[in-house]
């Protein structure tokens, strides 16, 4: 079944935006076209040759420090990469506080403090002021006897 052009165009532009803004991948328009084509047409993991059962099995693996694209891989191979163990959006240097991109804020992002409670990730507080949020997180962890 072939997808309508409108849907393809939407998916492509949304994917480009996500890769640039959220995953930190660095590319120009020509590189994006090549990576996107490879991503869409890949049917097997480039590292272990596992066949992708659906689109959620497929990941665009890249260096989280430099933003350089490496290959299309399965979930397991993507999680085994050593640089993947640090959230790409954890620029705070503080466990539990991550940068969240949101255009409703003047600077285009906010900081989010979240913790795992009963096995589920829960956002406790959001702020545009990182120092305030770190103070809040320290106080919250102490008051709630929360240890990470």
C-alpha atoms as a PDB file:
ATOM      1  CA  UNK A   1       0.000   0.000   0.000  1.00  0.00           C
ATOM      2  CA  UNK A   2       1.430   3.353  -1.008  1.00  0.00           C
ATOM      3  CA  UNK A   3       1.004   6.350   1.271  1.00  0.00           C
ATOM      4  CA  UNK A   4      -0.539   9.586  -0.055  1.00  0.00           C
ATOM      5  CA  UNK A   5       2.007  12.308  -0.896  1.00  0.00           C
ATOM      6  CA  UNK A   6       0.527  14.638   1.764  1.00  0.00           C
ATOM      7  CA  UNK A   7       1.123  12.030   4.491  1.00  0.00           C
ATOM      8  CA  UNK A   8       4.678  11.336   3.302  1.00  0.00           C
ATOM      9  CA  UNK A   9       5.483  15.060   3.218  1.00  0.00           C
ATOM     10  CA  UNK A  10       4.081  15.526   6.754  1.00  0.00           C
ATOM     11  CA  UNK A  11       6.014  12.518   8.118  1.00  0.00           C
ATOM     12  CA  UNK A  12       9.233  13.720   6.519  1.00  0.00           C
ATOM     13  CA  UNK A  13       8.995  17.264   7.898  1.00  0.00           C
ATOM     14  CA  UNK A  14       7.955  16.022  11.367  1.00  0.00           C
ATOM     15  CA  UNK A  15      10.835  13.521  11.401  1.00  0.00           C
ATOM     16  CA  UNK A  16      13.327  16.215  10.384  1.00  0.00           C
ATOM     17  CA  UNK A  17      12.092  18.503  13.146  1.00  0.00           C
ATOM     18  CA  UNK A  18      12.235  15.737  15.782  1.00  0.00           C
ATOM     19  CA  UNK A  19      15.726  14.629  14.808  1.00  0.00           C
ATOM     20  CA  UNK A  20      17.066  18.181  14.942  1.00  0.00           C
ATOM     21  CA  UNK A  21      15.242  19.485  18.013  1.00  0.00           C
ATOM     22  CA  UNK A  22      14.913  16.478  20.284  1.00  0.00           C
ATOM     23  CA  UNK A  23      17.574  13.922  19.447  1.00  0.00           C
ATOM     24  CA  UNK A  24      20.380  16.385  18.748  1.00  0.00           C
ATOM     25  CA  UNK A  25      21.273  14.931  15.356  1.00  0.00           C
ATOM     26  CA  UNK A  26      23.307  17.365  13.267  1.00  0.00           C
ATOM     27  CA  UNK A  27      22.824  17.331   9.478  1.00  0.00           C
ATOM     28  CA  UNK A  28      22.328  19.541   6.446  1.00  0.00           C
ATOM     29  CA  UNK A  29      19.421  19.117   3.985  1.00  0.00           C
ATOM     30  CA  UNK A  30      21.337  16.735   1.701  1.00  0.00           C
ATOM     31  CA  UNK A  31      22.451  14.558   4.612  1.00  0.00           C
ATOM     32  CA  UNK A  32      18.902  14.498   5.978  1.00  0.00           C
ATOM     33  CA  UNK A  33      17.549  13.200   2.657  1.00  0.00           C
ATOM     34  CA  UNK A  34      20.077  10.350   2.644  1.00  0.00           C
ATOM     35  CA  UNK A  35      19.536   9.428   6.321  1.00  0.00           C
ATOM     36  CA  UNK A  36      15.739   9.643   6.017  1.00  0.00           C
ATOM     37  CA  UNK A  37      15.710   7.413   2.910  1.00  0.00           C
ATOM     38  CA  UNK A  38      17.906   4.874   4.696  1.00  0.00           C
ATOM     39  CA  UNK A  39      15.689   5.049   7.806  1.00  0.00           C
ATOM     40  CA  UNK A  40      12.447   4.535   5.859  1.00  0.00           C
ATOM     41  CA  UNK A  41      13.745   1.663   3.704  1.00  0.00           C
ATOM     42  CA  UNK A  42      15.698  -0.246   6.381  1.00  0.00           C
ATOM     43  CA  UNK A  43      14.213  -3.629   7.183  1.00  0.00           C
ATOM     44  CA  UNK A  44      17.022  -5.058   9.360  1.00  0.00           C
ATOM     45  CA  UNK A  45      19.295  -3.848  12.147  1.00  0.00           C
ATOM     46  CA  UNK A  46      22.676  -2.872  10.722  1.00  0.00           C
ATOM     47  CA  UNK A  47      24.487  -4.325  13.758  1.00  0.00           C
ATOM     48  CA  UNK A  48      22.756  -7.635  14.565  1.00  0.00           C
ATOM     49  CA  UNK A  49      20.642  -8.174  11.387  1.00  0.00           C
ATOM     50  CA  UNK A  50      17.395  -8.576  13.369  1.00  0.00           C
ATOM     51  CA  UNK A  51      14.371  -7.993  11.113  1.00  0.00           C
ATOM     52  CA  UNK A  52      12.236  -5.018  12.125  1.00  0.00           C
ATOM     53  CA  UNK A  53       8.650  -6.114  12.849  1.00  0.00           C
ATOM     54  CA  UNK A  54       7.297  -2.562  12.811  1.00  0.00           C
ATOM     55  CA  UNK A  55       8.490   1.043  12.673  1.00  0.00           C
ATOM     56  CA  UNK A  56       8.927   1.245  16.457  1.00  0.00           C
ATOM     57  CA  UNK A  57      11.655  -1.423  16.304  1.00  0.00           C
ATOM     58  CA  UNK A  58      13.815   0.864  14.162  1.00  0.00           C
ATOM     59  CA  UNK A  59      16.057   3.564  15.673  1.00  0.00           C
ATOM     60  CA  UNK A  60      18.266   6.197  14.112  1.00  0.00           C
ATOM     61  CA  UNK A  61      21.438   5.625  16.126  1.00  0.00           C
ATOM     62  CA  UNK A  62      23.811   8.564  16.545  1.00  0.00           C
ATOM     63  CA  UNK A  63      26.574   9.899  18.751  1.00  0.00           C
ATOM     64  CA  UNK A  64      24.896  11.856  21.554  1.00  0.00           C
ATOM     65  CA  UNK A  65      27.954  14.046  22.068  1.00  0.00           C
ATOM     66  CA  UNK A  66      28.721  15.107  18.486  1.00  0.00           C
ATOM     67  CA  UNK A  67      25.279  14.584  16.893  1.00  0.00           C
ATOM     68  CA  UNK A  68      26.831  12.441  14.138  1.00  0.00           C
ATOM     69  CA  UNK A  69      24.597   9.776  12.539  1.00  0.00           C
ATOM     70  CA  UNK A  70      25.958   6.206  12.778  1.00  0.00           C
ATOM     71  CA  UNK A  71      23.367   3.655  11.621  1.00  0.00           C
ATOM     72  CA  UNK A  72      19.814   2.271  11.731  1.00  0.00           C
ATOM     73  CA  UNK A  73      19.504  -0.252  14.559  1.00  0.00           C
ATOM     74  CA  UNK A  74      17.017  -2.264  16.628  1.00  0.00           C
ATOM     75  CA  UNK A  75      15.949  -1.183  20.122  1.00  0.00           C
ATOM     76  CA  UNK A  76      18.328  -3.599  21.857  1.00  0.00           C
ATOM     77  CA  UNK A  77      21.411  -2.497  19.886  1.00  0.00           C
ATOM     78  CA  UNK A  78      20.485   1.164  20.420  1.00  0.00           C
ATOM     79  CA  UNK A  79      20.228   0.683  24.184  1.00  0.00           C
ATOM     80  CA  UNK A  80      23.578  -1.116  24.339  1.00  0.00           C
ATOM     81  CA  UNK A  81      25.482   1.911  23.023  1.00  0.00           C
ATOM     82  CA  UNK A  82      27.512   3.386  25.883  1.00  0.00           C
ATOM     83  CA  UNK A  83      26.756   7.032  25.072  1.00  0.00           C
ATOM     84  CA  UNK A  84      23.026   6.274  25.090  1.00  0.00           C
ATOM     85  CA  UNK A  85      23.026   5.746  28.858  1.00  0.00           C
ATOM     86  CA  UNK A  86      23.059   9.512  29.400  1.00  0.00           C
ATOM     87  CA  UNK A  87      19.915  11.322  28.305  1.00  0.00           C
ATOM     88  CA  UNK A  88      20.762  13.589  25.400  1.00  0.00           C
ATOM     89  CA  UNK A  89      18.549  16.263  26.949  1.00  0.00           C
ATOM     90  CA  UNK A  90      20.143  16.075  30.416  1.00  0.00           C
ATOM     91  CA  UNK A  91      22.304  19.150  30.008  1.00  0.00           C
ATOM     92  CA  UNK A  92      21.743  20.115  33.644  1.00  0.00           C
ATOM     93  CA  UNK A  93      24.309  17.693  35.079  1.00  0.00           C
ATOM     94  CA  UNK A  94      21.729  16.893  37.771  1.00  0.00           C
ATOM     95  CA  UNK A  95      20.036  13.484  37.943  1.00  0.00           C
ATOM     96  CA  UNK A  96      16.315  13.823  37.327  1.00  0.00           C
ATOM     97  CA  UNK A  97      16.383  17.249  35.667  1.00  0.00           C
ATOM     98  CA  UNK A  98      16.106  17.350  31.898  1.00  0.00           C
ATOM     99  CA  UNK A  99      15.661  20.000  29.253  1.00  0.00           C
ATOM    100  CA  UNK A 100      12.226  19.920  27.652  1.00  0.00           C
ATOM    101  CA  UNK A 101      11.788  21.763  24.353  1.00  0.00           C
ATOM    102  CA  UNK A 102       8.572  23.777  24.262  1.00  0.00           C
ATOM    103  CA  UNK A 103       7.818  26.794  22.083  1.00  0.00           C
ATOM    104  CA  UNK A 104       5.362  28.239  24.605  1.00  0.00           C
ATOM    105  CA  UNK A 105       8.371  29.521  26.569  1.00  0.00           C
ATOM    106  CA  UNK A 106      10.282  32.581  25.352  1.00  0.00           C
ATOM    107  CA  UNK A 107      13.622  30.734  25.219  1.00  0.00           C
ATOM    108  CA  UNK A 108      12.048  27.662  23.544  1.00  0.00           C
ATOM    109  CA  UNK A 109      12.548  25.233  26.422  1.00  0.00           C
ATOM    110  CA  UNK A 110      12.031  24.613  30.110  1.00  0.00           C
ATOM    111  CA  UNK A 111      13.639  22.357  32.700  1.00  0.00           C
ATOM    112  CA  UNK A 112      11.693  19.365  34.026  1.00  0.00           C
ATOM    113  CA  UNK A 113      12.293  17.588  37.318  1.00  0.00           C
ATOM    114  CA  UNK A 114      10.970  14.037  37.228  1.00  0.00           C
ATOM    115  CA  UNK A 115      11.403  10.901  39.307  1.00  0.00           C
ATOM    116  CA  UNK A 116      10.357   7.259  39.170  1.00  0.00           C
ATOM    117  CA  UNK A 117       7.531   6.424  41.553  1.00  0.00           C
ATOM    118  CA  UNK A 118       6.132   2.883  41.606  1.00  0.00           C
ATOM    119  CA  UNK A 119       8.012   2.148  38.369  1.00  0.00           C
ATOM    120  CA  UNK A 120       6.493   5.101  36.476  1.00  0.00           C
ATOM    121  CA  UNK A 121       8.271   8.299  35.475  1.00  0.00           C
ATOM    122  CA  UNK A 122       6.464  11.290  37.021  1.00  0.00           C
ATOM    123  CA  UNK A 123       7.114  14.978  36.417  1.00  0.00           C
ATOM    124  CA  UNK A 124       7.190  16.793  39.749  1.00  0.00           C
ATOM    125  CA  UNK A 125       7.904  20.370  38.665  1.00  0.00           C
ATOM    126  CA  UNK A 126       8.751  22.367  35.553  1.00  0.00           C
ATOM    127  CA  UNK A 127      10.609  25.695  35.493  1.00  0.00           C
ATOM    128  CA  UNK A 128      12.588  27.923  33.162  1.00  0.00           C
ATOM    129  CA  UNK A 129      15.026  28.642  36.007  1.00  0.00           C
ATOM    130  CA  UNK A 130      17.491  25.743  36.347  1.00  0.00           C
ATOM    131  CA  UNK A 131      19.003  26.914  39.656  1.00  0.00           C
ATOM    132  CA  UNK A 132      15.545  27.243  41.227  1.00  0.00           C
ATOM    133  CA  UNK A 133      14.595  23.756  40.008  1.00  0.00           C
ATOM    134  CA  UNK A 134      17.788  22.171  41.403  1.00  0.00           C
ATOM    135  CA  UNK A 135      17.070  23.748  44.816  1.00  0.00           C
ATOM    136  CA  UNK A 136      13.464  22.569  44.602  1.00  0.00           C
ATOM    137  CA  UNK A 137      14.549  19.017  43.623  1.00  0.00           C
ATOM    138  CA  UNK A 138      17.022  18.777  46.525  1.00  0.00           C
ATOM    139  CA  UNK A 139      14.378  19.944  48.984  1.00  0.00           C
ATOM    140  CA  UNK A 140      11.697  17.636  47.490  1.00  0.00           C
ATOM    141  CA  UNK A 141      13.995  14.587  47.643  1.00  0.00           C
ATOM    142  CA  UNK A 142      14.827  15.313  51.278  1.00  0.00           C
ATOM    143  CA  UNK A 143      11.197  15.916  52.311  1.00  0.00           C
ATOM    144  CA  UNK A 144       9.983  12.791  50.493  1.00  0.00           C
ATOM    145  CA  UNK A 145      12.919  10.589  51.540  1.00  0.00           C
ATOM    146  CA  UNK A 146      13.594   9.882  47.864  1.00  0.00           C
ATOM    147  CA  UNK A 147      16.926   8.303  46.923  1.00  0.00           C
ATOM    148  CA  UNK A 148      17.939   7.752  43.302  1.00  0.00           C
END
